[in-house]
Each structure stands twice: as structure tokens, then as C-alpha cells.
Amino acid sequence: MTQHLPAYIATLVVFLALDYVWLGHVARDFYAREMGDLMHERPNFAIAALFYAIYAAGIVLFAVNPALAQDNWQTAALLGAALGFLAYGTYDVTNLATIKGWPWRMAAVDMAWGSALTALSATSAFWIIKLIR
């Protein structure tokens, strides 16, 4: 377990930093405009923390660790992108199917962001672990 902790911390820190910039600055107005009344004025930070904790573990398990085992950063990028597409795609497609008025454009942007964010987080964590080993 202790060998996985640095990868988890690296993944979590990178993921949080990138998502903060995206959600808090770059795409904040886009999401607010697209979601309209569906969006809370303030996020539920306890639930958000739970998501980040769980998802970072998934990134380590399904992208970072396999990449480290192969000593191949491209594996981190590819598996990270695939995981991001699957996870964010599951969320967005389910919302399209079940929530009246869920915006298609936002779903597409969110899926692309999830893919890029997860790939960048996994690849960054891979290189951080390589540097500290």
C-alpha cells in the first residue's frame, strides 16, 4: 500500500489543480450557462471530495500503475484518456438519458475534458513517480 501512496498523492494533486483551473476559471461560465437552474450556487464540497478521492484511486489503479509496470508514459496517457472517456461518458450519457434538458453540447465538452484531464493527471503522476524513485 505504501508504494501506491505517492502515486495516489501525485495523481490527486495534479487532478485537483487542473480541475480547479478548468471548473473555477476556464469553463465556469460555460457550465453555468449550459446547466442553468440545474447547477447549485455552491458545490457540495464534501461530495466533491468523495468523488476526487475515489476517482484518483481509479486513475492510479487503471492508468498510473500499469504505466509504471511497463515503464511507459504513453500507457499512462492512453489508459488515462480511456478511463476519463468511460467515466465522464457514463456520467454524461446517463444524464442525457435521464435528466430532461441535459445539454448535449455540455456533455460533449465534459467528456472531452474528462478524457484530457484524466490523461494529463495519469501522465503527470507517472513522471512525478519516476522523478522521485
N, C-alpha and C. Protein backbone atom coordinates (compact mmCIF):
# COMPACT_ATOMS: atom_id res chain seq x y z
N MET A 1 0.82 -1.20 0.00
CA MET A 1 0.00 0.00 0.00
C MET A 1 0.86 1.27 0.00
N THR A 2 1.93 1.26 0.79
CA THR A 2 2.76 2.46 0.87
C THR A 2 3.44 2.79 -0.45
N GLN A 3 3.67 1.78 -1.30
CA GLN A 3 4.27 2.06 -2.60
C GLN A 3 3.28 2.78 -3.52
N HIS A 4 1.99 2.63 -3.26
CA HIS A 4 0.97 3.27 -4.10
C HIS A 4 0.61 4.67 -3.60
N LEU A 5 0.94 4.98 -2.36
CA LEU A 5 0.57 6.27 -1.78
C LEU A 5 1.17 7.46 -2.54
N PRO A 6 2.46 7.44 -2.89
CA PRO A 6 3.00 8.58 -3.66
C PRO A 6 2.28 8.77 -5.01
N ALA A 7 1.96 7.68 -5.68
CA ALA A 7 1.24 7.78 -6.95
C ALA A 7 -0.15 8.37 -6.73
N TYR A 8 -0.80 7.95 -5.66
CA TYR A 8 -2.13 8.47 -5.34
C TYR A 8 -2.06 9.97 -5.05
N ILE A 9 -1.12 10.37 -4.22
CA ILE A 9 -1.00 11.79 -3.86
C ILE A 9 -0.67 12.62 -5.09
N ALA A 10 0.27 12.16 -5.91
CA ALA A 10 0.63 12.89 -7.13
C ALA A 10 -0.58 13.03 -8.05
N THR A 11 -1.30 11.95 -8.23
CA THR A 11 -2.47 11.97 -9.10
C THR A 11 -3.52 12.93 -8.56
N LEU A 12 -3.80 12.83 -7.28
CA LEU A 12 -4.83 13.67 -6.67
C LEU A 12 -4.48 15.15 -6.76
N VAL A 13 -3.23 15.50 -6.47
CA VAL A 13 -2.82 16.91 -6.51
C VAL A 13 -2.92 17.47 -7.93
N VAL A 14 -2.42 16.72 -8.91
CA VAL A 14 -2.48 17.19 -10.30
C VAL A 14 -3.93 17.31 -10.75
N PHE A 15 -4.74 16.29 -10.47
CA PHE A 15 -6.14 16.29 -10.88
C PHE A 15 -6.88 17.47 -10.28
N LEU A 16 -6.71 17.68 -8.97
CA LEU A 16 -7.38 18.79 -8.30
C LEU A 16 -6.96 20.14 -8.88
N ALA A 17 -5.67 20.31 -9.11
CA ALA A 17 -5.17 21.59 -9.63
C ALA A 17 -5.74 21.88 -11.02
N LEU A 18 -5.69 20.89 -11.89
CA LEU A 18 -6.19 21.09 -13.25
C LEU A 18 -7.70 21.31 -13.26
N ASP A 19 -8.43 20.52 -12.48
CA ASP A 19 -9.88 20.66 -12.45
C ASP A 19 -10.30 21.98 -11.82
N TYR A 20 -9.54 22.45 -10.84
CA TYR A 20 -9.82 23.76 -10.24
C TYR A 20 -9.71 24.87 -11.29
N VAL A 21 -8.64 24.83 -12.06
CA VAL A 21 -8.46 25.85 -13.10
C VAL A 21 -9.58 25.76 -14.12
N TRP A 22 -9.92 24.55 -14.54
CA TRP A 22 -10.97 24.36 -15.54
C TRP A 22 -12.34 24.80 -15.02
N LEU A 23 -12.75 24.22 -13.90
CA LEU A 23 -14.10 24.50 -13.39
C LEU A 23 -14.21 25.88 -12.75
N GLY A 24 -13.14 26.35 -12.16
CA GLY A 24 -13.19 27.61 -11.45
C GLY A 24 -12.93 28.83 -12.30
N HIS A 25 -12.29 28.63 -13.45
CA HIS A 25 -11.90 29.79 -14.26
C HIS A 25 -12.21 29.62 -15.74
N VAL A 26 -11.62 28.62 -16.37
CA VAL A 26 -11.71 28.48 -17.82
C VAL A 26 -13.15 28.24 -18.29
N ALA A 27 -13.83 27.27 -17.70
CA ALA A 27 -15.15 26.86 -18.20
C ALA A 27 -16.29 27.18 -17.23
N ARG A 28 -16.03 27.97 -16.22
CA ARG A 28 -17.06 28.26 -15.21
C ARG A 28 -18.32 28.84 -15.84
N ASP A 29 -18.18 29.85 -16.66
CA ASP A 29 -19.35 30.49 -17.26
C ASP A 29 -20.06 29.55 -18.24
N PHE A 30 -19.28 28.74 -18.95
CA PHE A 30 -19.87 27.78 -19.88
C PHE A 30 -20.78 26.80 -19.14
N TYR A 31 -20.29 26.20 -18.06
CA TYR A 31 -21.09 25.25 -17.31
C TYR A 31 -22.31 25.93 -16.69
N ALA A 32 -22.15 27.12 -16.16
CA ALA A 32 -23.28 27.85 -15.57
C ALA A 32 -24.34 28.14 -16.62
N ARG A 33 -23.91 28.56 -17.79
CA ARG A 33 -24.85 28.87 -18.88
C ARG A 33 -25.56 27.61 -19.37
N GLU A 34 -24.80 26.54 -19.55
CA GLU A 34 -25.38 25.30 -20.07
C GLU A 34 -26.32 24.62 -19.07
N MET A 35 -25.94 24.62 -17.81
CA MET A 35 -26.74 23.92 -16.80
C MET A 35 -27.89 24.76 -16.27
N GLY A 36 -27.75 26.05 -16.30
CA GLY A 36 -28.82 26.92 -15.84
C GLY A 36 -29.23 26.62 -14.40
N ASP A 37 -30.51 26.41 -14.20
CA ASP A 37 -31.06 26.17 -12.85
C ASP A 37 -30.66 24.81 -12.27
N LEU A 38 -30.13 23.93 -13.07
CA LEU A 38 -29.70 22.63 -12.55
C LEU A 38 -28.47 22.75 -11.66
N MET A 39 -27.73 23.83 -11.82
CA MET A 39 -26.46 24.00 -11.11
C MET A 39 -26.68 24.65 -9.74
N HIS A 40 -26.05 24.06 -8.72
CA HIS A 40 -26.08 24.66 -7.39
C HIS A 40 -25.30 25.97 -7.40
N GLU A 41 -25.71 26.90 -6.54
CA GLU A 41 -24.93 28.14 -6.40
C GLU A 41 -23.55 27.83 -5.86
N ARG A 42 -23.49 26.93 -4.89
CA ARG A 42 -22.22 26.48 -4.31
C ARG A 42 -22.17 24.96 -4.39
N PRO A 43 -21.05 24.43 -4.84
CA PRO A 43 -20.94 22.96 -4.88
C PRO A 43 -20.97 22.36 -3.48
N ASN A 44 -21.38 21.12 -3.39
CA ASN A 44 -21.31 20.37 -2.14
C ASN A 44 -19.89 19.82 -2.07
N PHE A 45 -19.04 20.50 -1.30
CA PHE A 45 -17.62 20.16 -1.28
C PHE A 45 -17.34 18.79 -0.66
N ALA A 46 -18.18 18.34 0.26
CA ALA A 46 -17.99 17.01 0.85
C ALA A 46 -18.19 15.93 -0.22
N ILE A 47 -19.23 16.08 -1.01
CA ILE A 47 -19.48 15.11 -2.09
C ILE A 47 -18.39 15.22 -3.16
N ALA A 48 -17.98 16.44 -3.47
CA ALA A 48 -16.89 16.62 -4.44
C ALA A 48 -15.61 15.95 -3.95
N ALA A 49 -15.30 16.10 -2.67
CA ALA A 49 -14.10 15.47 -2.10
C ALA A 49 -14.18 13.96 -2.21
N LEU A 50 -15.36 13.41 -2.01
CA LEU A 50 -15.55 11.96 -2.14
C LEU A 50 -15.28 11.52 -3.58
N PHE A 51 -15.81 12.26 -4.55
CA PHE A 51 -15.53 11.94 -5.94
C PHE A 51 -14.04 11.97 -6.23
N TYR A 52 -13.37 13.06 -5.83
CA TYR A 52 -11.94 13.19 -6.12
C TYR A 52 -11.13 12.07 -5.48
N ALA A 53 -11.46 11.71 -4.25
CA ALA A 53 -10.74 10.63 -3.56
C ALA A 53 -10.91 9.30 -4.28
N ILE A 54 -12.14 8.99 -4.67
CA ILE A 54 -12.42 7.72 -5.35
C ILE A 54 -11.80 7.71 -6.75
N TYR A 55 -12.01 8.78 -7.49
CA TYR A 55 -11.55 8.81 -8.88
C TYR A 55 -10.03 8.79 -8.98
N ALA A 56 -9.34 9.48 -8.08
CA ALA A 56 -7.87 9.45 -8.09
C ALA A 56 -7.37 8.03 -7.87
N ALA A 57 -8.03 7.29 -6.99
CA ALA A 57 -7.65 5.88 -6.79
C ALA A 57 -7.84 5.08 -8.07
N GLY A 58 -8.93 5.35 -8.78
CA GLY A 58 -9.16 4.67 -10.06
C GLY A 58 -8.11 5.00 -11.09
N ILE A 59 -7.68 6.24 -11.15
CA ILE A 59 -6.63 6.64 -12.10
C ILE A 59 -5.34 5.89 -11.79
N VAL A 60 -5.00 5.80 -10.52
CA VAL A 60 -3.77 5.08 -10.14
C VAL A 60 -3.90 3.61 -10.51
N LEU A 61 -5.02 3.01 -10.16
CA LEU A 61 -5.21 1.58 -10.40
C LEU A 61 -5.23 1.23 -11.89
N PHE A 62 -5.95 2.02 -12.67
CA PHE A 62 -6.18 1.65 -14.07
C PHE A 62 -5.27 2.34 -15.09
N ALA A 63 -4.48 3.34 -14.67
CA ALA A 63 -3.61 4.02 -15.63
C ALA A 63 -2.18 4.19 -15.13
N VAL A 64 -2.01 4.74 -13.94
CA VAL A 64 -0.65 5.03 -13.46
C VAL A 64 0.12 3.74 -13.17
N ASN A 65 -0.46 2.85 -12.39
CA ASN A 65 0.26 1.61 -12.05
C ASN A 65 0.61 0.76 -13.27
N PRO A 66 -0.33 0.55 -14.21
CA PRO A 66 0.07 -0.19 -15.41
C PRO A 66 1.19 0.50 -16.19
N ALA A 67 1.16 1.82 -16.25
CA ALA A 67 2.22 2.55 -16.95
C ALA A 67 3.56 2.40 -16.25
N LEU A 68 3.55 2.47 -14.92
CA LEU A 68 4.79 2.28 -14.17
C LEU A 68 5.32 0.86 -14.34
N ALA A 69 4.43 -0.12 -14.37
CA ALA A 69 4.84 -1.51 -14.56
C ALA A 69 5.50 -1.71 -15.92
N GLN A 70 5.02 -0.98 -16.93
CA GLN A 70 5.58 -1.07 -18.28
C GLN A 70 6.69 -0.04 -18.51
N ASP A 71 6.87 0.85 -17.56
CA ASP A 71 7.82 1.96 -17.69
C ASP A 71 7.57 2.72 -18.98
N ASN A 72 6.30 3.11 -19.18
CA ASN A 72 5.90 3.72 -20.44
C ASN A 72 4.87 4.82 -20.18
N TRP A 73 5.27 6.07 -20.39
CA TRP A 73 4.36 7.18 -20.12
C TRP A 73 3.18 7.19 -21.07
N GLN A 74 3.37 6.67 -22.29
CA GLN A 74 2.27 6.63 -23.25
C GLN A 74 1.13 5.75 -22.75
N THR A 75 1.48 4.71 -21.99
CA THR A 75 0.46 3.86 -21.40
C THR A 75 -0.38 4.66 -20.42
N ALA A 76 0.27 5.50 -19.62
CA ALA A 76 -0.46 6.36 -18.68
C ALA A 76 -1.41 7.29 -19.44
N ALA A 77 -0.92 7.87 -20.52
CA ALA A 77 -1.74 8.81 -21.29
C ALA A 77 -2.92 8.10 -21.95
N LEU A 78 -2.66 6.97 -22.59
CA LEU A 78 -3.71 6.25 -23.30
C LEU A 78 -4.75 5.68 -22.34
N LEU A 79 -4.29 4.99 -21.30
CA LEU A 79 -5.23 4.42 -20.34
C LEU A 79 -5.96 5.51 -19.56
N GLY A 80 -5.27 6.60 -19.28
CA GLY A 80 -5.92 7.73 -18.62
C GLY A 80 -7.02 8.33 -19.48
N ALA A 81 -6.72 8.53 -20.75
CA ALA A 81 -7.74 9.07 -21.67
C ALA A 81 -8.93 8.13 -21.78
N ALA A 82 -8.65 6.83 -21.88
CA ALA A 82 -9.74 5.86 -21.98
C ALA A 82 -10.59 5.85 -20.72
N LEU A 83 -9.94 5.86 -19.56
CA LEU A 83 -10.69 5.88 -18.30
C LEU A 83 -11.51 7.16 -18.19
N GLY A 84 -10.92 8.29 -18.53
CA GLY A 84 -11.66 9.55 -18.48
C GLY A 84 -12.86 9.56 -19.39
N PHE A 85 -12.69 9.04 -20.60
CA PHE A 85 -13.81 8.97 -21.54
C PHE A 85 -14.90 8.06 -21.00
N LEU A 86 -14.51 6.91 -20.47
CA LEU A 86 -15.51 5.97 -19.93
C LEU A 86 -16.23 6.54 -18.71
N ALA A 87 -15.49 7.12 -17.79
CA ALA A 87 -16.10 7.63 -16.56
C ALA A 87 -16.98 8.85 -16.83
N TYR A 88 -16.41 9.84 -17.50
CA TYR A 88 -17.19 11.05 -17.78
C TYR A 88 -18.29 10.75 -18.79
N GLY A 89 -18.02 9.86 -19.73
CA GLY A 89 -19.05 9.46 -20.69
C GLY A 89 -20.22 8.77 -20.02
N THR A 90 -19.93 7.90 -19.06
CA THR A 90 -21.00 7.23 -18.33
C THR A 90 -21.88 8.25 -17.62
N TYR A 91 -21.24 9.20 -16.97
CA TYR A 91 -21.97 10.26 -16.26
C TYR A 91 -22.83 11.08 -17.23
N ASP A 92 -22.21 11.57 -18.29
CA ASP A 92 -22.92 12.46 -19.19
C ASP A 92 -24.01 11.76 -20.00
N VAL A 93 -23.73 10.57 -20.49
CA VAL A 93 -24.73 9.85 -21.27
C VAL A 93 -25.91 9.44 -20.39
N THR A 94 -25.62 9.03 -19.16
CA THR A 94 -26.71 8.71 -18.23
C THR A 94 -27.56 9.95 -17.98
N ASN A 95 -26.91 11.10 -17.80
CA ASN A 95 -27.67 12.34 -17.59
C ASN A 95 -28.49 12.70 -18.82
N LEU A 96 -27.94 12.50 -20.01
CA LEU A 96 -28.71 12.75 -21.23
C LEU A 96 -29.95 11.86 -21.29
N ALA A 97 -29.81 10.64 -20.79
CA ALA A 97 -30.92 9.69 -20.84
C ALA A 97 -31.97 9.94 -19.76
N THR A 98 -31.57 10.56 -18.66
CA THR A 98 -32.48 10.62 -17.51
C THR A 98 -32.88 12.02 -17.05
N ILE A 99 -32.15 13.04 -17.43
CA ILE A 99 -32.45 14.39 -16.96
C ILE A 99 -32.97 15.22 -18.13
N LYS A 100 -34.19 15.65 -18.00
CA LYS A 100 -34.82 16.45 -19.05
C LYS A 100 -34.03 17.75 -19.24
N GLY A 101 -33.63 18.01 -20.47
CA GLY A 101 -32.94 19.25 -20.77
C GLY A 101 -31.44 19.22 -20.54
N TRP A 102 -30.88 18.04 -20.27
CA TRP A 102 -29.43 17.98 -20.09
C TRP A 102 -28.78 18.34 -21.43
N PRO A 103 -27.90 19.32 -21.47
CA PRO A 103 -27.39 19.84 -22.75
C PRO A 103 -26.37 18.90 -23.42
N TRP A 104 -26.63 18.62 -24.68
CA TRP A 104 -25.72 17.79 -25.47
C TRP A 104 -24.34 18.43 -25.60
N ARG A 105 -24.33 19.72 -25.83
CA ARG A 105 -23.04 20.41 -26.01
C ARG A 105 -22.19 20.31 -24.75
N MET A 106 -22.81 20.48 -23.60
CA MET A 106 -22.07 20.37 -22.36
C MET A 106 -21.58 18.94 -22.14
N ALA A 107 -22.40 17.96 -22.50
CA ALA A 107 -21.99 16.57 -22.36
C ALA A 107 -20.74 16.29 -23.20
N ALA A 108 -20.73 16.79 -24.42
CA ALA A 108 -19.58 16.57 -25.30
C ALA A 108 -18.32 17.25 -24.75
N VAL A 109 -18.45 18.49 -24.30
CA VAL A 109 -17.31 19.21 -23.73
C VAL A 109 -16.82 18.51 -22.47
N ASP A 110 -17.75 18.09 -21.63
CA ASP A 110 -17.40 17.43 -20.37
C ASP A 110 -16.68 16.11 -20.62
N MET A 111 -17.13 15.34 -21.61
CA MET A 111 -16.47 14.08 -21.93
C MET A 111 -15.06 14.32 -22.47
N ALA A 112 -14.91 15.34 -23.30
CA ALA A 112 -13.57 15.67 -23.81
C ALA A 112 -12.67 16.12 -22.67
N TRP A 113 -13.21 16.95 -21.77
CA TRP A 113 -12.42 17.41 -20.63
C TRP A 113 -12.04 16.23 -19.73
N GLY A 114 -12.98 15.36 -19.45
CA GLY A 114 -12.68 14.20 -18.60
C GLY A 114 -11.58 13.33 -19.19
N SER A 115 -11.60 13.16 -20.49
CA SER A 115 -10.57 12.37 -21.16
C SER A 115 -9.21 13.05 -21.05
N ALA A 116 -9.17 14.34 -21.35
CA ALA A 116 -7.91 15.09 -21.29
C ALA A 116 -7.40 15.20 -19.86
N LEU A 117 -8.28 15.52 -18.94
CA LEU A 117 -7.89 15.69 -17.54
C LEU A 117 -7.32 14.40 -16.95
N THR A 118 -7.97 13.30 -17.23
CA THR A 118 -7.51 12.02 -16.68
C THR A 118 -6.19 11.60 -17.33
N ALA A 119 -6.06 11.82 -18.63
CA ALA A 119 -4.80 11.52 -19.31
C ALA A 119 -3.66 12.38 -18.78
N LEU A 120 -3.89 13.67 -18.62
CA LEU A 120 -2.86 14.57 -18.09
C LEU A 120 -2.50 14.22 -16.65
N SER A 121 -3.48 13.89 -15.85
CA SER A 121 -3.22 13.54 -14.45
C SER A 121 -2.42 12.25 -14.34
N ALA A 122 -2.80 11.25 -15.11
CA ALA A 122 -2.08 9.97 -15.08
C ALA A 122 -0.65 10.12 -15.59
N THR A 123 -0.48 10.86 -16.68
CA THR A 123 0.85 11.06 -17.24
C THR A 123 1.73 11.88 -16.30
N SER A 124 1.18 12.92 -15.72
CA SER A 124 1.94 13.73 -14.76
C SER A 124 2.35 12.90 -13.55
N ALA A 125 1.43 12.12 -13.03
CA ALA A 125 1.75 11.27 -11.87
C ALA A 125 2.84 10.26 -12.23
N PHE A 126 2.77 9.70 -13.43
CA PHE A 126 3.81 8.77 -13.90
C PHE A 126 5.17 9.44 -13.81
N TRP A 127 5.30 10.66 -14.37
CA TRP A 127 6.59 11.34 -14.39
C TRP A 127 7.02 11.78 -13.00
N ILE A 128 6.10 12.18 -12.16
CA ILE A 128 6.45 12.55 -10.79
C ILE A 128 7.03 11.35 -10.05
N ILE A 129 6.39 10.20 -10.19
CA ILE A 129 6.89 8.98 -9.53
C ILE A 129 8.25 8.60 -10.09
N LYS A 130 8.43 8.70 -11.39
CA LYS A 130 9.73 8.39 -12.00
C LYS A 130 10.82 9.32 -11.44
N LEU A 131 10.49 10.57 -11.22
CA LEU A 131 11.47 11.53 -10.70
C LEU A 131 11.84 11.28 -9.25
N ILE A 132 10.90 10.82 -8.44
CA ILE A 132 11.19 10.65 -7.01
C ILE A 132 11.72 9.26 -6.68
N ARG A 133 11.68 8.34 -7.61
CA ARG A 133 12.19 6.98 -7.36
C ARG A 133 13.69 6.95 -7.42
